[in-house]
Protein backbone atom coordinates (compact mmCIF):
# COMPACT_ATOMS: atom_id res chain seq x y z
CA MET A 1 4.62 29.78 7.67
CA GLN A 2 5.27 28.40 11.16
CA ASP A 3 2.89 30.98 12.69
CA MET A 4 0.24 29.91 10.21
CA VAL A 5 0.90 26.24 10.99
CA ARG A 6 0.45 26.77 14.72
CA ARG A 7 -2.92 28.37 14.05
CA ALA A 8 -4.30 25.35 12.15
CA ASP A 9 -7.93 25.17 13.30
CA PRO A 10 -9.65 21.95 14.46
CA ALA A 11 -12.61 23.16 12.39
CA LEU A 12 -10.60 22.12 9.32
CA ILE A 13 -11.00 18.50 10.38
CA ASP A 14 -14.77 18.87 10.74
CA LYS A 15 -14.88 20.49 7.31
CA LEU A 16 -12.80 17.68 5.80
CA ALA A 17 -15.05 15.01 7.32
CA ALA A 18 -18.23 16.77 6.16
CA GLU A 19 -17.14 17.83 2.67
CA ARG A 20 -14.44 15.20 1.97
CA ASP A 21 -12.25 18.00 0.66
CA LEU A 22 -10.26 21.11 1.56
CA THR A 23 -8.57 23.85 -0.42
CA ASP A 24 -4.89 23.41 -1.22
CA ALA A 25 -4.04 26.05 1.38
CA GLU A 26 -6.07 24.22 4.03
CA PHE A 27 -4.45 20.87 3.20
CA LEU A 28 -1.07 22.62 3.49
CA LEU A 29 -1.95 23.82 7.00
CA LEU A 30 -3.17 20.41 8.08
CA LEU A 31 -0.14 18.59 6.71
CA GLN A 32 2.47 20.99 8.07
CA GLN A 33 1.08 21.50 11.58
CA GLU A 34 2.93 19.79 14.42
CA ASP A 35 0.24 19.89 17.11
CA PRO A 36 -0.24 16.50 18.85
CA GLY A 37 -3.66 17.63 20.02
CA LEU A 38 -4.78 18.38 16.49
CA ASP A 39 -3.41 15.03 15.29
CA ALA A 40 -5.41 13.30 18.03
CA ILE A 41 -8.60 14.98 16.78
CA LEU A 42 -7.78 14.05 13.18
CA PHE A 43 -7.07 10.40 14.04
CA SER A 44 -10.23 10.17 16.13
CA LYS A 45 -12.38 11.52 13.31
CA ALA A 46 -10.83 9.06 10.85
CA ARG A 47 -11.49 6.16 13.25
CA GLU A 48 -15.08 7.28 13.63
CA VAL A 49 -15.61 7.21 9.88
CA ARG A 50 -13.78 3.91 9.43
CA GLU A 51 -15.80 2.23 12.20
CA ARG A 52 -19.10 3.55 10.87
CA ILE A 53 -18.40 1.71 7.61
CA TYR A 54 -16.24 -1.29 8.51
CA GLY A 55 -16.84 -1.64 12.25
CA LYS A 56 -13.94 -3.12 14.20
CA ASP A 57 -12.93 -5.52 11.43
CA VAL A 58 -9.36 -5.65 10.14
CA TYR A 59 -8.80 -7.47 6.86
CA ILE A 60 -5.65 -9.45 6.20
CA ARG A 61 -4.01 -9.92 2.80
CA GLY A 62 -1.58 -12.79 2.38
CA LEU A 63 1.46 -11.37 0.62
CA VAL A 64 3.43 -13.69 -1.67
CA GLU A 65 6.62 -11.99 -2.86
CA PHE A 66 7.31 -14.38 -5.72
CA THR A 67 10.26 -12.74 -7.52
CA ASN A 68 12.83 -10.11 -6.64
CA TYR A 69 14.15 -9.80 -10.20
CA CYS A 70 13.25 -6.43 -11.71
CA LYS A 71 13.95 -4.88 -15.09
CA ASN A 72 13.57 -1.38 -13.64
CA ASN A 73 16.19 0.72 -11.91
CA CYS A 74 14.17 2.92 -9.54
CA HIS A 75 16.58 4.99 -7.48
CA TYR A 76 14.97 4.15 -4.10
CA CYS A 77 14.41 0.41 -4.44
CA GLY A 78 16.56 -2.36 -3.01
CA ILE A 79 15.69 -4.83 -5.79
CA ARG A 80 16.53 -2.36 -8.57
CA ARG A 81 18.20 -3.83 -11.65
CA ASP A 82 21.65 -2.43 -10.89
CA ASN A 83 21.84 -3.74 -7.32
CA HIS A 84 24.26 -6.57 -8.01
CA ASN A 85 24.46 -7.40 -4.30
CA ALA A 86 20.84 -8.58 -4.22
CA GLU A 87 20.47 -12.35 -3.97
CA ARG A 88 17.86 -13.04 -6.63
CA TYR A 89 15.13 -15.68 -6.58
CA ARG A 90 11.97 -16.76 -8.36
CA LEU A 91 9.16 -18.96 -7.04
CA SER A 92 7.60 -21.59 -9.27
CA GLY A 93 3.87 -21.78 -9.86
CA GLU A 94 3.74 -24.74 -7.48
CA GLU A 95 5.56 -22.81 -4.76
CA ILE A 96 3.21 -19.84 -5.14
CA LEU A 97 0.16 -22.11 -4.90
CA SER A 98 1.64 -23.79 -1.81
CA CYS A 99 1.96 -20.38 -0.12
CA CYS A 100 -1.70 -19.70 -0.85
CA GLU A 101 -2.72 -23.16 0.42
CA GLN A 102 -0.94 -22.48 3.70
CA GLY A 103 -2.46 -19.02 3.92
CA TYR A 104 -5.97 -20.29 3.24
CA ALA A 105 -5.63 -22.81 6.08
CA LEU A 106 -4.63 -19.92 8.37
CA GLY A 107 -7.77 -17.94 7.46
CA PHE A 108 -6.58 -15.71 4.62
CA ARG A 109 -9.21 -14.97 1.98
CA THR A 110 -7.18 -12.52 -0.08
CA PHE A 111 -3.81 -13.19 -1.65
CA VAL A 112 -1.47 -10.57 -3.09
CA LEU A 113 1.08 -11.67 -5.67
CA GLN A 114 3.83 -9.08 -5.58
CA GLY A 115 7.14 -8.96 -7.38
CA GLY A 116 9.58 -6.93 -9.35
CA GLU A 117 8.80 -6.30 -13.00
CA ASP A 118 10.21 -9.65 -14.09
CA PRO A 119 9.81 -10.57 -17.80
CA TYR A 120 10.59 -14.20 -16.91
CA TYR A 121 6.91 -14.63 -16.06
CA SER A 122 5.08 -14.42 -19.37
CA ASP A 123 1.41 -13.58 -19.67
CA GLU A 124 0.75 -17.30 -20.15
CA ASP A 125 2.66 -18.10 -16.94
CA MET A 126 0.72 -15.53 -14.95
CA VAL A 127 -2.63 -16.67 -16.38
CA SER A 128 -1.81 -20.25 -15.39
CA ILE A 129 -0.84 -19.20 -11.85
CA ILE A 130 -3.95 -17.04 -11.44
CA ARG A 131 -6.25 -19.83 -12.68
CA SER A 132 -4.64 -22.35 -10.34
CA ILE A 133 -5.14 -20.13 -7.30
CA LYS A 134 -8.74 -19.24 -8.20
CA SER A 135 -9.57 -22.85 -9.01
CA SER A 136 -8.26 -24.02 -5.63
CA HIS A 137 -9.81 -21.09 -3.71
CA PRO A 138 -12.78 -19.68 -5.64
CA ASP A 139 -14.00 -17.79 -2.56
CA ALA A 140 -10.71 -15.90 -2.19
CA ALA A 141 -9.82 -12.58 -3.81
CA LEU A 142 -6.59 -12.24 -5.76
CA THR A 143 -4.61 -9.01 -6.01
CA LEU A 144 -1.70 -8.51 -8.39
CA SER A 145 1.13 -6.05 -7.76
CA ILE A 146 3.55 -6.64 -10.61
CA GLY A 147 3.96 -3.21 -12.13
CA GLU A 148 3.44 -1.86 -15.61
CA ARG A 149 2.17 -4.28 -18.25
CA THR A 150 0.27 -3.85 -21.49
CA LYS A 151 -3.49 -3.40 -21.45
CA GLU A 152 -3.75 -6.77 -23.18
CA SER A 153 -1.84 -8.37 -20.31
CA TYR A 154 -4.05 -6.73 -17.72
CA GLN A 155 -7.13 -7.94 -19.62
CA ALA A 156 -5.83 -11.52 -19.76
CA PHE A 157 -5.10 -11.55 -16.01
CA PHE A 158 -8.56 -10.16 -15.24
CA GLU A 159 -10.26 -12.77 -17.40
CA ALA A 160 -8.21 -15.48 -15.67
CA GLY A 161 -9.67 -14.38 -12.33
CA ALA A 162 -7.55 -11.58 -10.86
CA ASP A 163 -9.81 -9.23 -8.87
CA ARG A 164 -7.60 -6.34 -7.81
CA TYR A 165 -4.44 -4.61 -8.95
CA LEU A 166 -2.15 -2.48 -6.81
CA LEU A 167 0.06 -0.04 -8.74
CA ARG A 168 1.46 2.73 -6.58
CA HIS A 169 1.86 5.96 -8.48
CA GLU A 170 4.69 6.93 -6.01
CA THR A 171 4.32 10.67 -6.68
CA ALA A 172 1.77 12.72 -8.61
CA ASP A 173 4.33 15.32 -9.71
CA PRO A 174 5.90 14.45 -13.10
CA GLU A 175 9.18 16.21 -12.32
CA HIS A 176 9.48 14.48 -8.95
CA TYR A 177 8.60 11.17 -10.63
CA GLY A 178 11.54 11.71 -12.97
CA PHE A 179 13.79 12.43 -9.99
CA LEU A 180 12.89 9.09 -8.38
CA HIS A 181 12.96 6.93 -11.50
CA PRO A 182 15.23 6.20 -14.48
CA LYS A 183 14.64 8.03 -17.76
CA GLU A 184 12.95 5.08 -19.44
CA MET A 185 10.06 5.27 -16.95
CA SER A 186 7.43 8.00 -17.12
CA PHE A 187 4.70 9.40 -14.93
CA GLU A 188 2.38 9.52 -17.93
CA ARG A 189 2.75 5.78 -18.54
CA ARG A 190 2.08 5.02 -14.86
CA ILE A 191 -1.16 7.02 -14.94
CA GLN A 192 -2.12 5.39 -18.24
CA CYS A 193 -1.73 1.96 -16.61
CA LEU A 194 -3.99 2.97 -13.73
CA SER A 195 -6.58 4.19 -16.23
CA GLU A 196 -6.40 0.94 -18.19
CA LEU A 197 -6.83 -1.15 -15.06
CA ARG A 198 -9.90 0.87 -14.10
CA SER A 199 -11.43 0.54 -17.58
CA ILE A 200 -11.01 -3.25 -17.52
CA GLY A 201 -12.91 -3.57 -14.24
CA TYR A 202 -10.27 -4.21 -11.58
CA GLN A 203 -10.58 -2.91 -8.07
CA VAL A 204 -7.63 -0.54 -8.32
CA GLY A 205 -5.06 0.52 -5.74
CA CYS A 206 -2.62 3.40 -5.99
CA GLY A 207 -0.39 5.10 -3.41
CA MET A 208 2.83 6.91 -2.67
CA MET A 209 5.87 7.05 -0.41
CA ILE A 210 5.86 9.63 2.36
CA GLY A 211 9.12 11.54 2.75
CA SER A 212 10.77 10.29 -0.42
CA PRO A 213 13.86 12.24 -1.51
CA GLY A 214 12.93 15.59 -3.00
CA GLN A 215 9.32 15.44 -1.81
CA THR A 216 7.59 18.64 -0.69
CA THR A 217 4.25 19.25 0.99
CA GLU A 218 3.02 20.60 -2.34
CA HIS A 219 3.83 17.22 -3.89
CA LEU A 220 1.69 15.53 -1.25
CA ILE A 221 -1.22 17.83 -2.06
CA ARG A 222 -0.87 16.75 -5.69
CA ASP A 223 -1.02 13.14 -4.47
CA ILE A 224 -4.23 13.89 -2.61
CA ARG A 225 -5.74 15.47 -5.71
CA LEU A 226 -4.77 12.48 -7.85
CA ILE A 227 -6.28 10.07 -5.32
CA GLN A 228 -9.49 12.12 -5.33
CA LYS A 229 -9.56 12.02 -9.12
CA LEU A 230 -8.90 8.28 -9.40
CA GLY A 231 -11.27 7.28 -6.61
CA PRO A 232 -9.36 4.01 -5.99
CA GLU A 233 -10.70 1.13 -3.92
CA MET A 234 -7.32 0.81 -2.20
CA VAL A 235 -4.57 3.27 -1.28
CA GLY A 236 -1.20 1.99 -0.10
CA ILE A 237 1.08 4.54 1.55
CA GLY A 238 4.08 4.18 3.79
CA PRO A 239 7.15 6.12 4.86
CA PHE A 240 10.21 6.13 2.63
CA ILE A 241 12.99 3.98 4.12
CA PRO A 242 16.44 4.02 2.49
CA HIS A 243 18.22 0.91 1.26
CA HIS A 244 22.00 0.75 1.58
CA ASP A 245 22.56 -0.42 -2.03
CA THR A 246 20.71 2.43 -3.75
CA PRO A 247 21.59 6.00 -4.75
CA TYR A 248 19.41 7.20 -1.84
CA ALA A 249 21.22 5.17 0.81
CA ASP A 250 22.11 8.24 2.86
CA GLU A 251 18.72 9.96 2.68
CA ALA A 252 16.62 10.35 5.84
CA PRO A 253 13.57 8.13 6.26
CA GLY A 254 10.08 9.53 6.03
CA SER A 255 8.04 10.68 9.01
CA VAL A 256 5.79 8.20 10.81
CA GLN A 257 3.62 11.04 12.13
CA LEU A 258 3.13 12.56 8.69
CA THR A 259 2.27 9.12 7.31
CA LEU A 260 -0.38 8.68 10.01
CA ARG A 261 -1.73 12.15 9.26
CA LEU A 262 -2.09 11.23 5.59
CA LEU A 263 -3.77 7.92 6.42
CA SER A 264 -6.43 9.87 8.31
CA ILE A 265 -6.82 12.42 5.53
CA ILE A 266 -7.25 9.67 2.93
CA ARG A 267 -9.84 7.94 5.13
CA LEU A 268 -11.80 11.18 5.37
CA ILE A 269 -11.70 11.99 1.63
CA LEU A 270 -12.47 8.36 0.64
CA PRO A 271 -14.49 6.93 3.56
CA GLU A 272 -14.92 3.49 1.96
CA VAL A 273 -11.30 2.99 0.93
CA LEU A 274 -9.34 -0.13 1.88
CA LEU A 275 -6.33 1.32 3.65
CA PRO A 276 -3.35 -0.75 4.82
CA ALA A 277 -1.20 -0.09 7.85
CA THR A 278 2.02 -1.02 6.11
CA THR A 279 5.06 -3.04 7.08
CA ALA A 280 7.15 0.08 6.47
CA LEU A 281 5.24 1.82 9.29
CA GLY A 282 6.02 -1.10 11.56
CA THR A 283 9.66 -0.98 10.52
CA LEU A 284 10.15 2.66 11.57
CA ASP A 285 8.00 2.42 14.71
CA VAL A 286 7.53 -0.74 16.77
CA LYS A 287 3.87 0.26 17.24
CA GLY A 288 3.54 1.70 13.75
CA ARG A 289 0.92 -0.70 12.44
CA GLU A 290 -1.23 -0.31 15.54
CA LYS A 291 -0.94 3.46 15.19
CA GLY A 292 -1.97 3.10 11.56
CA LEU A 293 -5.13 1.24 12.55
CA LEU A 294 -5.92 3.94 15.08
CA ALA A 295 -5.48 6.58 12.36
CA GLY A 296 -8.09 5.01 10.06
CA ALA A 297 -6.39 2.02 8.39
CA ASN A 298 -8.27 -1.29 8.15
CA VAL A 299 -5.94 -3.68 6.28
CA LEU A 300 -2.78 -5.59 7.20
CA MET A 301 -0.60 -7.55 4.78
CA PRO A 302 1.29 -10.39 6.52
CA ASN A 303 3.91 -12.27 4.54
CA LEU A 304 3.16 -15.78 3.24
CA SER A 305 6.41 -16.12 1.27
CA PRO A 306 8.65 -19.07 2.12
CA GLY A 307 11.05 -18.32 4.96
CA SER A 308 13.97 -19.14 2.68
CA VAL A 309 13.35 -16.08 0.48
CA ARG A 310 11.93 -13.45 2.85
CA LYS A 311 15.27 -11.82 3.62
CA LYS A 312 15.94 -11.52 -0.12
CA TYR A 313 12.91 -9.34 -0.89
CA LEU A 314 14.24 -6.17 0.70
CA LEU A 315 12.93 -3.01 -0.89
CA TYR A 316 14.38 -1.08 2.07
CA ASP A 317 16.63 -1.75 5.06
CA ASN A 318 15.62 -3.39 8.35
CA LYS A 319 12.31 -4.77 7.09
CA ILE A 320 10.43 -6.51 9.90
CA CYS A 321 9.01 -10.05 9.97
CA THR A 322 11.58 -11.54 7.55
CA GLY A 323 12.36 -14.35 10.00
CA GLU A 324 8.82 -15.31 10.98
CA GLU A 325 6.77 -18.18 9.62
CA ALA A 326 3.27 -17.34 8.42
CA ALA A 327 1.46 -18.92 11.39
CA GLU A 328 3.73 -17.12 13.84
CA CYS A 329 3.21 -13.85 12.01
CA ILE A 330 -0.59 -14.05 12.05
CA ARG A 331 -0.69 -14.94 15.78
CA CYS A 332 1.51 -11.95 16.56
CA LEU A 333 -0.58 -9.64 14.39
CA GLY A 334 -3.79 -10.87 15.97
CA LEU A 335 -2.55 -9.89 19.41
CA ARG A 336 -1.34 -6.51 18.15
CA VAL A 337 -4.69 -5.79 16.51
CA GLU A 338 -6.54 -6.66 19.72
CA THR A 339 -4.43 -4.20 21.72
CA ALA A 340 -5.63 -1.49 19.32
CA GLY A 341 -9.25 -2.46 19.96
CA TYR A 342 -9.86 -4.25 16.65
CA ARG A 343 -10.18 -7.84 15.41
CA ILE A 344 -8.83 -9.75 12.43
CA VAL A 345 -11.64 -11.35 10.43
CA GLU A 346 -11.67 -14.26 7.99
CA SER A 347 -13.01 -12.36 5.00
CA ARG A 348 -12.10 -11.18 1.51
CA GLY A 349 -12.63 -7.68 2.87
CA ASP A 350 -14.17 -6.24 -0.26
CA HIS A 351 -14.49 -2.52 -0.85
CA ILE A 352 -17.84 -1.26 0.42
CA SER A 353 -19.82 1.20 -1.68
CA ARG A 354 -22.57 2.22 0.68
CA TYR A 355 -21.18 5.32 2.37
CA GLN A 356 -23.79 7.95 3.10
CA PRO A 357 -22.52 11.45 3.92
CA ASN A 358 -23.56 12.97 7.23
C-alpha cells in the first residue's frame, strides 16, 4: 500500500473539486498519502472554493457550555457519567442569557448552547431559555448541541426559535460506534435523530473525531459517504484527544495533518458547508486553528462561558482558552485570523445555497 500511497496523483484533487466525489479507492489514496506537496495542493484548492463562496469572512459562534452533567458514559469523554472526579456544574437560565448578552456586545450573532445530555433541563426549561435568547436578540442565530432527544423535543425547541442543531455522529461504522459508546447507545438512534432534525427544518450539523481509538481509514471513508448522504449545513470535525479519567486515557491523539486533509476534502465535496476550525485542533497544534482556516474552514467557536466553569467542561485534556475571558479570547482570535489572511465578521454566518459547479 505504501507504494500506492506515494503515487497518489494531484489529478485526484482536480477530480474531487470538479465532481465533488471520488471512488472509495481514490479517497483511500488521498487520505493515506503523506506527501506535503500534495497536501499543499489540496489545501489550496479547498481555500479557492471556500473563498469563491464565502470570501475572506470568518464567522464566530459564541459557545456557552451550560452543563457538564451527562447521563451517557461514552468511553472517550471527560464528562462521562462515571467520571466521579469531574467537578459538575449547571448554569441557570439567567446565567446563560448573561453569557449571550456579553457575547452580543462583543459582536457575536450566533450562540451555541452546548452541554452534556442532562435531564435536569426539561423541555419546558429549554424552551424558556431559547425564547429568552431569541426575544433579546432576534437577529442572532441559535444553535443547540445537547445530544439525543425525542422528535417532540426537537420540534418544541425549533418552534421556540432554535435555528440549528449540531449532533456529531462520531463514526459512521456501527461496530466502531459500539466500540466507542456504552451498550445503551446505538448508531441507528443517532442517525434517526439526525433524520428527525432535518425533517423538522433545522440547519443540521454532524461530524466525527479523527483518530479515535479503533478508527481505520475505511471508517473515515464511511464518514465521508454519510456526510455526502446527509448533506449537512455544518460539519464539525477535530482530532481525538484523550482524557486522563476515561478508558482511553492512554490512547494516542489523532493526527492534525489528517484532520486538515479531511477539512479540505469536506470543503470540496460540500462547497457551501459551514466548517469550523476546532478548539481541539488548536489544542494539539499552537497554529492549528489558523491551519484549519487555510485548509478550507470558515468558522471559529470562542467560549462565552463564565470563567468560573470553563476548566470544568473538559471533554479532553489540555483544552486551550479555559483561562481567558470572552473579550480577551475574541481579540486574540481576531489577530490569529488576520495572520491567516482572513477577517472575523459580525454576522450570523448563514449557510449559503448558491454554489455553482465549475
